[in-house]
Amino acid sequence: MAKAAKTAIKTKDQKAAADAKNWTKVIRAVRSPKTGAYTFKESIVHKDKIKEHLGQ
């Protein structure tokens, strides 16, 4: 018998699960001044502060 795929995270604390939807993963491409190659910087930012974070 095959295993069933779990598509939803089930938590006991529904408030914490709802609050988690307010956060977004931001991935920025940053060019290295030394080699010219691109690297990627990842960060978790609140959805209200994304534009401030990208403006830095």
C-alpha atoms as a PDB file:
ATOM      1  CA  MET A   1       0.000   0.000   0.000  1.00  0.00           C
ATOM      2  CA  ALA A   2       1.369   3.427  -0.960  1.00  0.00           C
ATOM      3  CA  LYS A   3       1.836   6.218   1.528  1.00  0.00           C
ATOM      4  CA  ALA A   4      -0.535   9.171   1.340  1.00  0.00           C
ATOM      5  CA  ALA A   5       1.050  12.540   0.556  1.00  0.00           C
ATOM      6  CA  LYS A   6       0.613  15.123   3.267  1.00  0.00           C
ATOM      7  CA  THR A   7      -0.281  18.466   1.745  1.00  0.00           C
ATOM      8  CA  ALA A   8      -1.169  20.488   4.821  1.00  0.00           C
ATOM      9  CA  ILE A   9       0.714  21.142   8.014  1.00  0.00           C
ATOM     10  CA  LYS A  10      -1.463  20.238  10.948  1.00  0.00           C
ATOM     11  CA  THR A  11      -0.731  22.122  14.147  1.00  0.00           C
ATOM     12  CA  LYS A  12      -2.455  22.304  17.471  1.00  0.00           C
ATOM     13  CA  ASP A  13      -2.038  26.082  17.549  1.00  0.00           C
ATOM     14  CA  GLN A  14      -4.181  27.498  14.744  1.00  0.00           C
ATOM     15  CA  LYS A  15      -3.235  31.103  15.617  1.00  0.00           C
ATOM     16  CA  ALA A  16       0.452  30.376  15.061  1.00  0.00           C
ATOM     17  CA  ALA A  17      -0.336  28.671  11.758  1.00  0.00           C
ATOM     18  CA  ALA A  18      -2.341  31.700  10.594  1.00  0.00           C
ATOM     19  CA  ASP A  19       0.460  34.070  11.663  1.00  0.00           C
ATOM     20  CA  ALA A  20       2.998  32.101   9.642  1.00  0.00           C
ATOM     21  CA  LYS A  21       1.221  33.159   6.448  1.00  0.00           C
ATOM     22  CA  ASN A  22       2.331  36.749   7.098  1.00  0.00           C
ATOM     23  CA  TRP A  23       6.000  35.930   6.451  1.00  0.00           C
ATOM     24  CA  THR A  24       7.645  35.686   3.022  1.00  0.00           C
ATOM     25  CA  LYS A  25      10.951  34.262   1.821  1.00  0.00           C
ATOM     26  CA  VAL A  26      12.884  36.897  -0.147  1.00  0.00           C
ATOM     27  CA  ILE A  27      15.697  35.817  -2.472  1.00  0.00           C
ATOM     28  CA  ARG A  28      18.030  38.494  -3.823  1.00  0.00           C
ATOM     29  CA  ALA A  29      20.698  38.120  -6.494  1.00  0.00           C
ATOM     30  CA  VAL A  30      23.847  39.955  -5.386  1.00  0.00           C
ATOM     31  CA  ARG A  31      26.796  40.467  -7.699  1.00  0.00           C
ATOM     32  CA  SER A  32      30.252  39.933  -6.241  1.00  0.00           C
ATOM     33  CA  PRO A  33      32.514  42.935  -6.858  1.00  0.00           C
ATOM     34  CA  LYS A  34      35.581  40.696  -6.846  1.00  0.00           C
ATOM     35  CA  THR A  35      34.605  38.022  -9.384  1.00  0.00           C
ATOM     36  CA  GLY A  36      31.447  39.396 -10.991  1.00  0.00           C
ATOM     37  CA  ALA A  37      29.571  36.184 -10.234  1.00  0.00           C
ATOM     38  CA  TYR A  38      26.087  36.275  -8.749  1.00  0.00           C
ATOM     39  CA  THR A  39      25.255  34.851  -5.355  1.00  0.00           C
ATOM     40  CA  PHE A  40      21.835  34.564  -3.777  1.00  0.00           C
ATOM     41  CA  LYS A  41      20.917  35.929  -0.353  1.00  0.00           C
ATOM     42  CA  GLU A  42      17.829  34.448   1.281  1.00  0.00           C
ATOM     43  CA  SER A  43      15.920  35.978   4.167  1.00  0.00           C
ATOM     44  CA  ILE A  44      12.535  35.657   5.831  1.00  0.00           C
ATOM     45  CA  VAL A  45      10.711  39.010   5.998  1.00  0.00           C
ATOM     46  CA  HIS A  46       7.286  40.072   7.229  1.00  0.00           C
ATOM     47  CA  LYS A  47       4.981  40.800   4.283  1.00  0.00           C
ATOM     48  CA  ASP A  48       4.523  44.450   5.352  1.00  0.00           C
ATOM     49  CA  LYS A  49       8.293  45.131   5.220  1.00  0.00           C
ATOM     50  CA  ILE A  50       9.240  43.563   1.872  1.00  0.00           C
ATOM     51  CA  LYS A  51       9.662  46.860  -0.011  1.00  0.00           C
ATOM     52  CA  GLU A  52      11.846  48.276   2.781  1.00  0.00           C
ATOM     53  CA  HIS A  53      14.019  45.166   2.702  1.00  0.00           C
ATOM     54  CA  LEU A  54      14.445  45.236  -1.078  1.00  0.00           C
ATOM     55  CA  GLY A  55      15.301  48.964  -0.995  1.00  0.00           C
ATOM     56  CA  GLN A  56      18.427  48.338   1.079  1.00  0.00           C
END
